[in-house]
């Protein structure tokens, strides 16, 4: 079936009947767009074949083939009808002329009056086929098989798909080979072990941290310095010495006793060496906070050294 040929046939029959696309669409109860689509080569659906053939005055077979009935069949039909009509007229004009075929039986005579009626029926037949032929049987309405829509094809395809394998793949079929899965497991285990070691080291350092300030560890948490009073770097007043204690982190209940050695200037005698002790107590000494003690002398001195006698404090 040539769809383009069928569309051209529909257009020619519509124009032959003097119908516009809008008028034909109104008769069939469809839109003008569908008439244009049919004439462009999109074959009408089966439900519109009978109404369309009736509106155009053609048979469904002619719509399907895209052309009128064969000219040879129409000519044979016309000759048959003309022959029967001439025979009837001759018998009416010469009733005494014997029938060349011989006398007819009563059954044949009873069938003779039906010949003009049969000829009339043949002359008005739309299909133009001889009733004695097998093809002259009543034409049944032919419905073209409805084409499946996109969604029907999609649902059919989905029904053929094994969704169980897509949704729940069997164990061990996750797209990786056995070697790749083993390598991934080993890598994951090594990573977990590394994290545990790091966390264990941090926990051990926290548990083994210094809890109190002692003579053994005080240098890690405090700094002690002695310098002349005044603005540095050039100190002018050497008779006034300042002891500073600087904390590197917070220390609670801080207490320190120091012994500072001073030496008079311009004298190398060891007897001129003097010692001063200082006691510093603070409730809390924060990071970068200075605990200050000042020593006064009657003449200029130099710092010879600092000795920590005792130190106490609680570390966080």
C-alpha atoms as a PDB file:
ATOM      1  CA  UNK A   1       0.000   0.000   0.000  1.00  0.00           C
ATOM      2  CA  UNK A   2       1.500   3.268  -1.195  1.00  0.00           C
ATOM      3  CA  UNK A   3       0.522   5.862   1.432  1.00  0.00           C
ATOM      4  CA  UNK A   4       1.548   8.748  -0.811  1.00  0.00           C
ATOM      5  CA  UNK A   5      -0.661   7.366  -3.587  1.00  0.00           C
ATOM      6  CA  UNK A   6      -3.587   6.942  -1.176  1.00  0.00           C
ATOM      7  CA  UNK A   7      -3.189  10.534   0.008  1.00  0.00           C
ATOM      8  CA  UNK A   8      -3.229  11.818  -3.563  1.00  0.00           C
ATOM      9  CA  UNK A   9      -6.329   9.707  -4.268  1.00  0.00           C
ATOM     10  CA  UNK A  10      -8.160  11.197  -1.268  1.00  0.00           C
ATOM     11  CA  UNK A  11      -7.284  14.713  -2.425  1.00  0.00           C
ATOM     12  CA  UNK A  12      -8.509  14.073  -5.994  1.00  0.00           C
ATOM     13  CA  UNK A  13     -11.793  12.565  -4.823  1.00  0.00           C
ATOM     14  CA  UNK A  14     -12.370  15.454  -2.419  1.00  0.00           C
ATOM     15  CA  UNK A  15     -11.774  18.026  -5.145  1.00  0.00           C
ATOM     16  CA  UNK A  16     -13.962  16.044  -7.568  1.00  0.00           C
ATOM     17  CA  UNK A  17     -16.849  16.353  -5.119  1.00  0.00           C
ATOM     18  CA  UNK A  18     -16.174  20.065  -4.650  1.00  0.00           C
ATOM     19  CA  UNK A  19     -15.403  19.745  -0.942  1.00  0.00           C
ATOM     20  CA  UNK A  20     -12.855  21.797   0.939  1.00  0.00           C
ATOM     21  CA  UNK A  21     -10.717  20.304   3.668  1.00  0.00           C
ATOM     22  CA  UNK A  22     -12.794  22.089   6.308  1.00  0.00           C
ATOM     23  CA  UNK A  23     -16.080  20.746   4.881  1.00  0.00           C
ATOM     24  CA  UNK A  24     -14.758  17.188   4.701  1.00  0.00           C
ATOM     25  CA  UNK A  25     -13.373  17.484   8.233  1.00  0.00           C
ATOM     26  CA  UNK A  26     -16.772  18.681   9.485  1.00  0.00           C
ATOM     27  CA  UNK A  27     -18.490  15.675   7.894  1.00  0.00           C
ATOM     28  CA  UNK A  28     -16.086  13.227   9.485  1.00  0.00           C
ATOM     29  CA  UNK A  29     -15.865  15.018  12.840  1.00  0.00           C
ATOM     30  CA  UNK A  30     -12.113  15.511  12.685  1.00  0.00           C
ATOM     31  CA  UNK A  31      -9.801  18.500  12.440  1.00  0.00           C
ATOM     32  CA  UNK A  32      -8.601  20.104   9.211  1.00  0.00           C
ATOM     33  CA  UNK A  33      -5.063  19.174  10.247  1.00  0.00           C
ATOM     34  CA  UNK A  34      -5.912  15.458  10.049  1.00  0.00           C
ATOM     35  CA  UNK A  35      -7.357  15.881   6.517  1.00  0.00           C
ATOM     36  CA  UNK A  36      -4.123  17.614   5.482  1.00  0.00           C
ATOM     37  CA  UNK A  37      -2.112  14.794   7.071  1.00  0.00           C
ATOM     38  CA  UNK A  38      -4.107  12.134   5.206  1.00  0.00           C
ATOM     39  CA  UNK A  39      -3.583  13.891   1.890  1.00  0.00           C
ATOM     40  CA  UNK A  40       0.130  14.279   2.680  1.00  0.00           C
ATOM     41  CA  UNK A  41       0.568  10.506   2.981  1.00  0.00           C
ATOM     42  CA  UNK A  42      -0.345   9.698   6.606  1.00  0.00           C
ATOM     43  CA  UNK A  43      -2.954   6.958   6.227  1.00  0.00           C
ATOM     44  CA  UNK A  44      -6.178   7.477   8.244  1.00  0.00           C
ATOM     45  CA  UNK A  45      -6.934   5.262  11.201  1.00  0.00           C
ATOM     46  CA  UNK A  46      -9.249   2.273  10.722  1.00  0.00           C
ATOM     47  CA  UNK A  47     -12.208   3.936  12.430  1.00  0.00           C
ATOM     48  CA  UNK A  48     -12.282   6.674   9.751  1.00  0.00           C
ATOM     49  CA  UNK A  49     -12.096   4.409   6.664  1.00  0.00           C
ATOM     50  CA  UNK A  50     -15.840   3.748   6.284  1.00  0.00           C
ATOM     51  CA  UNK A  51     -16.975   7.369   6.938  1.00  0.00           C
ATOM     52  CA  UNK A  52     -14.270   8.659   4.589  1.00  0.00           C
ATOM     53  CA  UNK A  53     -15.186   6.238   1.785  1.00  0.00           C
ATOM     54  CA  UNK A  54     -18.858   7.192   2.129  1.00  0.00           C
ATOM     55  CA  UNK A  55     -18.059  10.912   2.052  1.00  0.00           C
ATOM     56  CA  UNK A  56     -15.923  10.516  -1.094  1.00  0.00           C
ATOM     57  CA  UNK A  57     -18.274   8.013  -2.789  1.00  0.00           C
ATOM     58  CA  UNK A  58     -15.692   5.272  -3.172  1.00  0.00           C
ATOM     59  CA  UNK A  59     -15.113   1.796  -1.815  1.00  0.00           C
ATOM     60  CA  UNK A  60     -12.776   0.985   1.046  1.00  0.00           C
ATOM     61  CA  UNK A  61     -10.719  -1.177  -1.317  1.00  0.00           C
ATOM     62  CA  UNK A  62     -10.248   1.807  -3.596  1.00  0.00           C
ATOM     63  CA  UNK A  63      -9.053   3.874  -0.627  1.00  0.00           C
ATOM     64  CA  UNK A  64      -6.578   1.165   0.305  1.00  0.00           C
ATOM     65  CA  UNK A  65      -5.279   0.779  -3.257  1.00  0.00           C
ATOM     66  CA  UNK A  66      -5.301   4.501  -4.040  1.00  0.00           C
ATOM     67  CA  UNK A  67      -7.069   4.080  -7.421  1.00  0.00           C
ATOM     68  CA  UNK A  68     -10.499   3.342  -8.889  1.00  0.00           C
ATOM     69  CA  UNK A  69     -11.621  -0.152  -9.868  1.00  0.00           C
ATOM     70  CA  UNK A  70      -9.772  -1.666 -12.867  1.00  0.00           C
ATOM     71  CA  UNK A  71     -10.955  -0.368 -16.274  1.00  0.00           C
ATOM     72  CA  UNK A  72     -11.061  -3.913 -17.754  1.00  0.00           C
ATOM     73  CA  UNK A  73     -13.558  -5.077 -15.154  1.00  0.00           C
ATOM     74  CA  UNK A  74     -15.764  -2.033 -15.784  1.00  0.00           C
ATOM     75  CA  UNK A  75     -15.729  -2.655 -19.578  1.00  0.00           C
ATOM     76  CA  UNK A  76     -16.613  -6.340 -19.165  1.00  0.00           C
ATOM     77  CA  UNK A  77     -19.438  -5.409 -16.867  1.00  0.00           C
ATOM     78  CA  UNK A  78     -20.811  -2.876 -19.389  1.00  0.00           C
ATOM     79  CA  UNK A  79     -20.671  -5.435 -22.261  1.00  0.00           C
ATOM     80  CA  UNK A  80     -22.500  -8.033 -20.148  1.00  0.00           C
ATOM     81  CA  UNK A  81     -25.239  -5.597 -19.228  1.00  0.00           C
ATOM     82  CA  UNK A  82     -25.635  -4.416 -22.870  1.00  0.00           C
ATOM     83  CA  UNK A  83     -25.890  -8.023 -24.148  1.00  0.00           C
ATOM     84  CA  UNK A  84     -28.606  -8.915 -21.716  1.00  0.00           C
ATOM     85  CA  UNK A  85     -30.586  -5.793 -22.567  1.00  0.00           C
ATOM     86  CA  UNK A  86     -30.384  -6.529 -26.347  1.00  0.00           C
ATOM     87  CA  UNK A  87     -31.602 -10.118 -25.835  1.00  0.00           C
ATOM     88  CA  UNK A  88     -34.597  -8.960 -23.841  1.00  0.00           C
ATOM     89  CA  UNK A  89     -35.545  -6.374 -26.505  1.00  0.00           C
ATOM     90  CA  UNK A  90     -35.296  -8.993 -29.307  1.00  0.00           C
ATOM     91  CA  UNK A  91     -37.589 -11.436 -27.521  1.00  0.00           C
ATOM     92  CA  UNK A  92     -40.179  -8.726 -26.947  1.00  0.00           C
ATOM     93  CA  UNK A  93     -40.120  -7.674 -30.656  1.00  0.00           C
ATOM     94  CA  UNK A  94     -40.265 -11.273 -32.154  1.00  0.00           C
ATOM     95  CA  UNK A  95     -42.068 -13.508 -29.685  1.00  0.00           C
ATOM     96  CA  UNK A  96     -42.561 -16.276 -32.331  1.00  0.00           C
ATOM     97  CA  UNK A  97     -38.872 -16.639 -33.189  1.00  0.00           C
ATOM     98  CA  UNK A  98     -37.711 -19.888 -31.647  1.00  0.00           C
ATOM     99  CA  UNK A  99     -34.985 -19.773 -29.185  1.00  0.00           C
ATOM    100  CA  UNK A 100     -31.794 -21.015 -30.857  1.00  0.00           C
ATOM    101  CA  UNK A 101     -30.791 -22.719 -27.666  1.00  0.00           C
ATOM    102  CA  UNK A 102     -33.960 -24.878 -27.733  1.00  0.00           C
ATOM    103  CA  UNK A 103     -37.065 -24.946 -25.558  1.00  0.00           C
ATOM    104  CA  UNK A 104     -36.616 -23.854 -22.019  1.00  0.00           C
ATOM    105  CA  UNK A 105     -37.900 -25.707 -19.060  1.00  0.00           C
ATOM    106  CA  UNK A 106     -40.435 -24.276 -16.658  1.00  0.00           C
ATOM    107  CA  UNK A 107     -37.701 -23.583 -14.151  1.00  0.00           C
ATOM    108  CA  UNK A 108     -35.679 -21.622 -16.705  1.00  0.00           C
ATOM    109  CA  UNK A 109     -38.792 -19.697 -17.767  1.00  0.00           C
ATOM    110  CA  UNK A 110     -39.518 -18.857 -14.161  1.00  0.00           C
ATOM    111  CA  UNK A 111     -36.030 -17.434 -13.863  1.00  0.00           C
ATOM    112  CA  UNK A 112     -36.275 -15.309 -17.026  1.00  0.00           C
ATOM    113  CA  UNK A 113     -38.264 -12.391 -15.516  1.00  0.00           C
ATOM    114  CA  UNK A 114     -35.457 -11.942 -13.026  1.00  0.00           C
ATOM    115  CA  UNK A 115     -32.908 -11.132 -15.742  1.00  0.00           C
ATOM    116  CA  UNK A 116     -33.827  -7.453 -16.244  1.00  0.00           C
ATOM    117  CA  UNK A 117     -33.771  -6.963 -12.493  1.00  0.00           C
ATOM    118  CA  UNK A 118     -30.382  -8.652 -12.278  1.00  0.00           C
ATOM    119  CA  UNK A 119     -29.121  -6.479 -15.141  1.00  0.00           C
ATOM    120  CA  UNK A 120     -30.364  -3.385 -13.381  1.00  0.00           C
ATOM    121  CA  UNK A 121     -28.609  -4.419 -10.199  1.00  0.00           C
ATOM    122  CA  UNK A 122     -25.390  -5.003 -12.103  1.00  0.00           C
ATOM    123  CA  UNK A 123     -25.611  -1.616 -13.792  1.00  0.00           C
ATOM    124  CA  UNK A 124     -25.842   0.258 -10.512  1.00  0.00           C
ATOM    125  CA  UNK A 125     -23.168  -1.776  -8.729  1.00  0.00           C
ATOM    126  CA  UNK A 126     -20.438   0.511  -7.422  1.00  0.00           C
ATOM    127  CA  UNK A 127     -17.734  -2.078  -7.467  1.00  0.00           C
ATOM    128  CA  UNK A 128     -18.432  -3.055 -11.122  1.00  0.00           C
ATOM    129  CA  UNK A 129     -17.808  -6.765 -10.574  1.00  0.00           C
ATOM    130  CA  UNK A 130     -19.789  -9.704 -12.086  1.00  0.00           C
ATOM    131  CA  UNK A 131     -21.842 -11.462  -9.406  1.00  0.00           C
ATOM    132  CA  UNK A 132     -21.002 -14.849 -10.886  1.00  0.00           C
ATOM    133  CA  UNK A 133     -17.331 -14.267 -10.061  1.00  0.00           C
ATOM    134  CA  UNK A 134     -15.946 -15.271  -6.647  1.00  0.00           C
ATOM    135  CA  UNK A 135     -14.752 -11.716  -6.081  1.00  0.00           C
ATOM    136  CA  UNK A 136     -18.330 -10.440  -6.357  1.00  0.00           C
ATOM    137  CA  UNK A 137     -19.072 -11.471  -2.800  1.00  0.00           C
ATOM    138  CA  UNK A 138     -20.197  -8.734  -0.410  1.00  0.00           C
ATOM    139  CA  UNK A 139     -17.229  -6.588   0.495  1.00  0.00           C
ATOM    140  CA  UNK A 140     -16.608  -6.492   4.192  1.00  0.00           C
ATOM    141  CA  UNK A 141     -15.215  -3.395   5.814  1.00  0.00           C
ATOM    142  CA  UNK A 142     -11.461  -3.741   6.037  1.00  0.00           C
ATOM    143  CA  UNK A 143      -9.812  -2.221   9.046  1.00  0.00           C
ATOM    144  CA  UNK A 144      -6.142  -1.466   8.836  1.00  0.00           C
ATOM    145  CA  UNK A 145      -4.241  -2.811  11.835  1.00  0.00           C
ATOM    146  CA  UNK A 146      -3.853  -0.065  14.397  1.00  0.00           C
ATOM    147  CA  UNK A 147      -0.235   0.945  14.788  1.00  0.00           C
ATOM    148  CA  UNK A 148       1.089   0.642  18.319  1.00  0.00           C
ATOM    149  CA  UNK A 149       1.715   3.935  20.030  1.00  0.00           C
ATOM    150  CA  UNK A 150       5.049   4.892  21.512  1.00  0.00           C
ATOM    151  CA  UNK A 151       3.868   4.172  25.061  1.00  0.00           C
ATOM    152  CA  UNK A 152       2.473   0.759  24.114  1.00  0.00           C
ATOM    153  CA  UNK A 153       5.827  -0.168  22.561  1.00  0.00           C
ATOM    154  CA  UNK A 154       7.619   1.160  25.640  1.00  0.00           C
ATOM    155  CA  UNK A 155       5.477  -0.859  28.058  1.00  0.00           C
ATOM    156  CA  UNK A 156       5.952  -3.942  25.904  1.00  0.00           C
ATOM    157  CA  UNK A 157       9.708  -3.442  25.952  1.00  0.00           C
ATOM    158  CA  UNK A 158       9.696  -2.930  29.720  1.00  0.00           C
ATOM    159  CA  UNK A 159       7.713  -6.114  30.143  1.00  0.00           C
ATOM    160  CA  UNK A 160      10.407  -8.052  28.298  1.00  0.00           C
ATOM    161  CA  UNK A 161      13.187  -6.626  30.476  1.00  0.00           C
ATOM    162  CA  UNK A 162      14.433  -8.579  33.487  1.00  0.00           C
ATOM    163  CA  UNK A 163      14.247  -5.817  36.095  1.00  0.00           C
ATOM    164  CA  UNK A 164      15.346  -8.029  38.959  1.00  0.00           C
ATOM    165  CA  UNK A 165      18.930  -8.019  37.716  1.00  0.00           C
ATOM    166  CA  UNK A 166      18.863  -4.257  37.299  1.00  0.00           C
ATOM    167  CA  UNK A 167      17.395  -3.410  40.695  1.00  0.00           C
ATOM    168  CA  UNK A 168      18.951  -6.113  42.867  1.00  0.00           C
ATOM    169  CA  UNK A 169      22.127  -7.504  41.284  1.00  0.00           C
ATOM    170  CA  UNK A 170      23.258 -10.819  42.745  1.00  0.00           C
ATOM    171  CA  UNK A 171      26.015 -10.749  45.328  1.00  0.00           C
ATOM    172  CA  UNK A 172      29.479 -10.507  43.790  1.00  0.00           C
ATOM    173  CA  UNK A 173      28.269  -9.029  40.483  1.00  0.00           C
ATOM    174  CA  UNK A 174      28.811  -5.352  41.212  1.00  0.00           C
ATOM    175  CA  UNK A 175      30.885  -4.651  38.124  1.00  0.00           C
ATOM    176  CA  UNK A 176      34.320  -5.394  39.645  1.00  0.00           C
ATOM    177  CA  UNK A 177      36.477  -8.454  39.279  1.00  0.00           C
ATOM    178  CA  UNK A 178      37.530 -10.572  42.251  1.00  0.00           C
ATOM    179  CA  UNK A 179      41.050  -9.108  42.169  1.00  0.00           C
ATOM    180  CA  UNK A 180      39.737  -5.545  42.167  1.00  0.00           C
ATOM    181  CA  UNK A 181      37.457  -6.264  45.107  1.00  0.00           C
ATOM    182  CA  UNK A 182      40.321  -7.823  47.105  1.00  0.00           C
ATOM    183  CA  UNK A 183      42.554  -4.836  46.378  1.00  0.00           C
ATOM    184  CA  UNK A 184      39.814  -2.464  47.500  1.00  0.00           C
ATOM    185  CA  UNK A 185      39.321  -4.361  50.749  1.00  0.00           C
ATOM    186  CA  UNK A 186      43.063  -4.333  51.508  1.00  0.00           C
ATOM    187  CA  UNK A 187      43.298  -0.612  50.768  1.00  0.00           C
ATOM    188  CA  UNK A 188      40.327   0.128  53.017  1.00  0.00           C
ATOM    189  CA  UNK A 189      41.782  -1.952  55.868  1.00  0.00           C
ATOM    190  CA  UNK A 190      45.157  -0.169  55.588  1.00  0.00           C
ATOM    191  CA  UNK A 191      43.450   3.205  55.707  1.00  0.00           C
ATOM    192  CA  UNK A 192      41.479   2.238  58.811  1.00  0.00           C
ATOM    193  CA  UNK A 193      44.650   0.976  60.527  1.00  0.00           C
ATOM    194  CA  UNK A 194      46.461   4.253  59.751  1.00  0.00           C
ATOM    195  CA  UNK A 195      43.611   6.293  61.228  1.00  0.00           C
ATOM    196  CA  UNK A 196      43.604   4.130  64.360  1.00  0.00           C
ATOM    197  CA  UNK A 197      47.379   4.570  64.808  1.00  0.00           C
ATOM    198  CA  UNK A 198      47.139   8.350  64.517  1.00  0.00           C
ATOM    199  CA  UNK A 199      44.257   8.531  66.942  1.00  0.00           C
ATOM    200  CA  UNK A 200      46.046   6.200  69.353  1.00  0.00           C
ATOM    201  CA  UNK A 201      49.169   8.376  69.269  1.00  0.00           C
ATOM    202  CA  UNK A 202      47.167  11.477  70.025  1.00  0.00           C
ATOM    203  CA  UNK A 203      45.392   9.726  72.882  1.00  0.00           C
ATOM    204  CA  UNK A 204      48.681   8.495  74.316  1.00  0.00           C
ATOM    205  CA  UNK A 205      50.194  11.979  74.187  1.00  0.00           C
ATOM    206  CA  UNK A 206      47.182  13.386  75.935  1.00  0.00           C
ATOM    207  CA  UNK A 207      47.253  10.779  78.680  1.00  0.00           C
ATOM    208  CA  UNK A 208      51.015  11.146  79.231  1.00  0.00           C
ATOM    209  CA  UNK A 209      51.060  14.933  79.245  1.00  0.00           C
ATOM    210  CA  UNK A 210      52.538  16.868  82.162  1.00  0.00           C
ATOM    211  CA  UNK A 211      49.958  17.600  84.803  1.00  0.00           C
ATOM    212  CA  UNK A 212      52.123  19.680  87.152  1.00  0.00           C
ATOM    213  CA  UNK A 213      54.999  22.133  86.895  1.00  0.00           C
ATOM    214  CA  UNK A 214      58.258  20.754  88.311  1.00  0.00           C
ATOM    215  CA  UNK A 215      61.953  21.635  88.411  1.00  0.00           C
ATOM    216  CA  UNK A 216      62.491  19.132  85.622  1.00  0.00           C
ATOM    217  CA  UNK A 217      59.978  20.507  83.146  1.00  0.00           C
ATOM    218  CA  UNK A 218      59.512  24.182  84.035  1.00  0.00           C
ATOM    219  CA  UNK A 219      61.734  25.327  81.134  1.00  0.00           C
ATOM    220  CA  UNK A 220      59.074  24.001  78.717  1.00  0.00           C
ATOM    221  CA  UNK A 221      56.388  26.240  80.198  1.00  0.00           C
ATOM    222  CA  UNK A 222      58.075  29.388  81.596  1.00  0.00           C
ATOM    223  CA  UNK A 223      60.956  31.721  80.768  1.00  0.00           C
ATOM    224  CA  UNK A 224      62.990  33.639  83.402  1.00  0.00           C
ATOM    225  CA  UNK A 225      65.035  36.742  82.623  1.00  0.00           C
ATOM    226  CA  UNK A 226      66.801  39.522  84.613  1.00  0.00           C
ATOM    227  CA  UNK A 227      67.617  42.903  83.065  1.00  0.00           C
ATOM    228  CA  UNK A 228      68.155  46.516  84.199  1.00  0.00           C
ATOM    229  CA  UNK A 229      65.132  48.735  84.503  1.00  0.00           C
ATOM    230  CA  UNK A 230      64.370  51.195  81.772  1.00  0.00           C
ATOM    231  CA  UNK A 231      63.910  51.042  78.062  1.00  0.00           C
ATOM    232  CA  UNK A 232      66.209  48.757  76.090  1.00  0.00           C
ATOM    233  CA  UNK A 233      68.382  48.124  74.263  1.00  0.00           C
ATOM    234  CA  UNK A 234      70.496  50.735  76.139  1.00  0.00           C
ATOM    235  CA  UNK A 235      69.859  50.584  79.852  1.00  0.00           C
ATOM    236  CA  UNK A 236      71.012  53.572  81.872  1.00  0.00           C
ATOM    237  CA  UNK A 237      70.017  52.661  85.411  1.00  0.00           C
ATOM    238  CA  UNK A 238      72.038  49.641  86.529  1.00  0.00           C
ATOM    239  CA  UNK A 239      71.094  50.052  90.197  1.00  0.00           C
ATOM    240  CA  UNK A 240      67.587  48.740  89.509  1.00  0.00           C
ATOM    241  CA  UNK A 241      67.232  45.167  88.243  1.00  0.00           C
ATOM    242  CA  UNK A 242      63.979  43.555  87.109  1.00  0.00           C
ATOM    243  CA  UNK A 243      63.115  39.847  87.324  1.00  0.00           C
ATOM    244  CA  UNK A 244      60.521  38.721  84.753  1.00  0.00           C
ATOM    245  CA  UNK A 245      58.765  35.361  84.520  1.00  0.00           C
ATOM    246  CA  UNK A 246      56.893  34.711  81.225  1.00  0.00           C
ATOM    247  CA  UNK A 247      54.441  31.819  80.895  1.00  0.00           C
ATOM    248  CA  UNK A 248      54.241  29.914  77.622  1.00  0.00           C
ATOM    249  CA  UNK A 249      50.774  28.560  78.439  1.00  0.00           C
ATOM    250  CA  UNK A 250      48.181  28.885  81.174  1.00  0.00           C
ATOM    251  CA  UNK A 251      49.327  27.756  84.633  1.00  0.00           C
ATOM    252  CA  UNK A 252      47.046  27.627  87.642  1.00  0.00           C
ATOM    253  CA  UNK A 253      48.211  28.054  91.273  1.00  0.00           C
ATOM    254  CA  UNK A 254      51.604  29.212  90.061  1.00  0.00           C
ATOM    255  CA  UNK A 255      54.416  29.629  92.586  1.00  0.00           C
ATOM    256  CA  UNK A 256      58.179  30.037  92.060  1.00  0.00           C
ATOM    257  CA  UNK A 257      61.196  30.829  94.249  1.00  0.00           C
ATOM    258  CA  UNK A 258      64.375  32.074  92.608  1.00  0.00           C
ATOM    259  CA  UNK A 259      67.836  33.110  93.720  1.00  0.00           C
ATOM    260  CA  UNK A 260      69.520  35.771  91.592  1.00  0.00           C
ATOM    261  CA  UNK A 261      73.247  36.442  91.636  1.00  0.00           C
ATOM    262  CA  UNK A 262      74.476  40.013  91.064  1.00  0.00           C
ATOM    263  CA  UNK A 263      77.980  41.396  90.814  1.00  0.00           C
ATOM    264  CA  UNK A 264      79.083  44.960  91.409  1.00  0.00           C
ATOM    265  CA  UNK A 265      80.653  46.578  88.454  1.00  0.00           C
ATOM    266  CA  UNK A 266      84.219  47.877  88.407  1.00  0.00           C
ATOM    267  CA  UNK A 267      85.219  45.181  90.865  1.00  0.00           C
ATOM    268  CA  UNK A 268      86.546  41.725  90.203  1.00  0.00           C
ATOM    269  CA  UNK A 269      86.458  40.670  93.837  1.00  0.00           C
ATOM    270  CA  UNK A 270      84.182  37.743  94.473  1.00  0.00           C
ATOM    271  CA  UNK A 271      83.229  39.261  97.793  1.00  0.00           C
ATOM    272  CA  UNK A 272      81.390  41.915  95.882  1.00  0.00           C
ATOM    273  CA  UNK A 273      78.929  39.271  94.638  1.00  0.00           C
ATOM    274  CA  UNK A 274      75.470  39.570  96.147  1.00  0.00           C
ATOM    275  CA  UNK A 275      72.459  37.254  96.012  1.00  0.00           C
ATOM    276  CA  UNK A 276      68.830  38.150  96.094  1.00  0.00           C
ATOM    277  CA  UNK A 277      65.900  35.786  96.429  1.00  0.00           C
ATOM    278  CA  UNK A 278      62.383  36.361  95.212  1.00  0.00           C
ATOM    279  CA  UNK A 279      59.092  34.550  95.713  1.00  0.00           C
ATOM    280  CA  UNK A 280      56.357  34.933  93.113  1.00  0.00           C
ATOM    281  CA  UNK A 281      52.871  33.561  93.654  1.00  0.00           C
ATOM    282  CA  UNK A 282      50.002  33.956  91.227  1.00  0.00           C
ATOM    283  CA  UNK A 283      46.538  32.425  91.262  1.00  0.00           C
ATOM    284  CA  UNK A 284      46.651  32.035  87.492  1.00  0.00           C
ATOM    285  CA  UNK A 285      49.294  33.115  85.054  1.00  0.00           C
ATOM    286  CA  UNK A 286      48.191  33.152  81.418  1.00  0.00           C
ATOM    287  CA  UNK A 287      50.220  32.792  78.280  1.00  0.00           C
ATOM    288  CA  UNK A 288      52.510  35.787  77.620  1.00  0.00           C
ATOM    289  CA  UNK A 289      51.700  37.282  81.046  1.00  0.00           C
ATOM    290  CA  UNK A 290      54.726  38.647  82.954  1.00  0.00           C
ATOM    291  CA  UNK A 291      55.267  38.176  86.663  1.00  0.00           C
ATOM    292  CA  UNK A 292      57.669  40.998  87.701  1.00  0.00           C
ATOM    293  CA  UNK A 293      59.890  41.572  90.719  1.00  0.00           C
ATOM    294  CA  UNK A 294      62.304  44.500  91.047  1.00  0.00           C
ATOM    295  CA  UNK A 295      65.624  44.588  92.949  1.00  0.00           C
ATOM    296  CA  UNK A 296      67.234  47.853  94.090  1.00  0.00           C
ATOM    297  CA  UNK A 297      70.958  48.403  94.736  1.00  0.00           C
ATOM    298  CA  UNK A 298      73.060  51.317  95.929  1.00  0.00           C
ATOM    299  CA  UNK A 299      75.318  51.059  92.938  1.00  0.00           C
ATOM    300  CA  UNK A 300      75.431  49.481  89.523  1.00  0.00           C
ATOM    301  CA  UNK A 301      75.372  45.722  89.336  1.00  0.00           C
ATOM    302  CA  UNK A 302      75.344  43.039  86.667  1.00  0.00           C
ATOM    303  CA  UNK A 303      73.333  39.879  86.632  1.00  0.00           C
ATOM    304  CA  UNK A 304      75.488  36.818  87.119  1.00  0.00           C
ATOM    305  CA  UNK A 305      72.788  34.133  86.906  1.00  0.00           C
ATOM    306  CA  UNK A 306      69.441  32.839  88.146  1.00  0.00           C
ATOM    307  CA  UNK A 307      68.817  29.714  90.180  1.00  0.00           C
ATOM    308  CA  UNK A 308      65.305  28.310  90.562  1.00  0.00           C
ATOM    309  CA  UNK A 309      64.852  27.025  94.072  1.00  0.00           C
ATOM    310  CA  UNK A 310      61.319  25.686  93.723  1.00  0.00           C
ATOM    311  CA  UNK A 311      58.416  25.863  91.285  1.00  0.00           C
ATOM    312  CA  UNK A 312      54.823  24.684  91.485  1.00  0.00           C
ATOM    313  CA  UNK A 313      51.776  24.911  89.282  1.00  0.00           C
ATOM    314  CA  UNK A 314      48.982  22.948  87.674  1.00  0.00           C
ATOM    315  CA  UNK A 315      48.948  22.510  83.933  1.00  0.00           C
ATOM    316  CA  UNK A 316      45.672  22.224  82.005  1.00  0.00           C
END
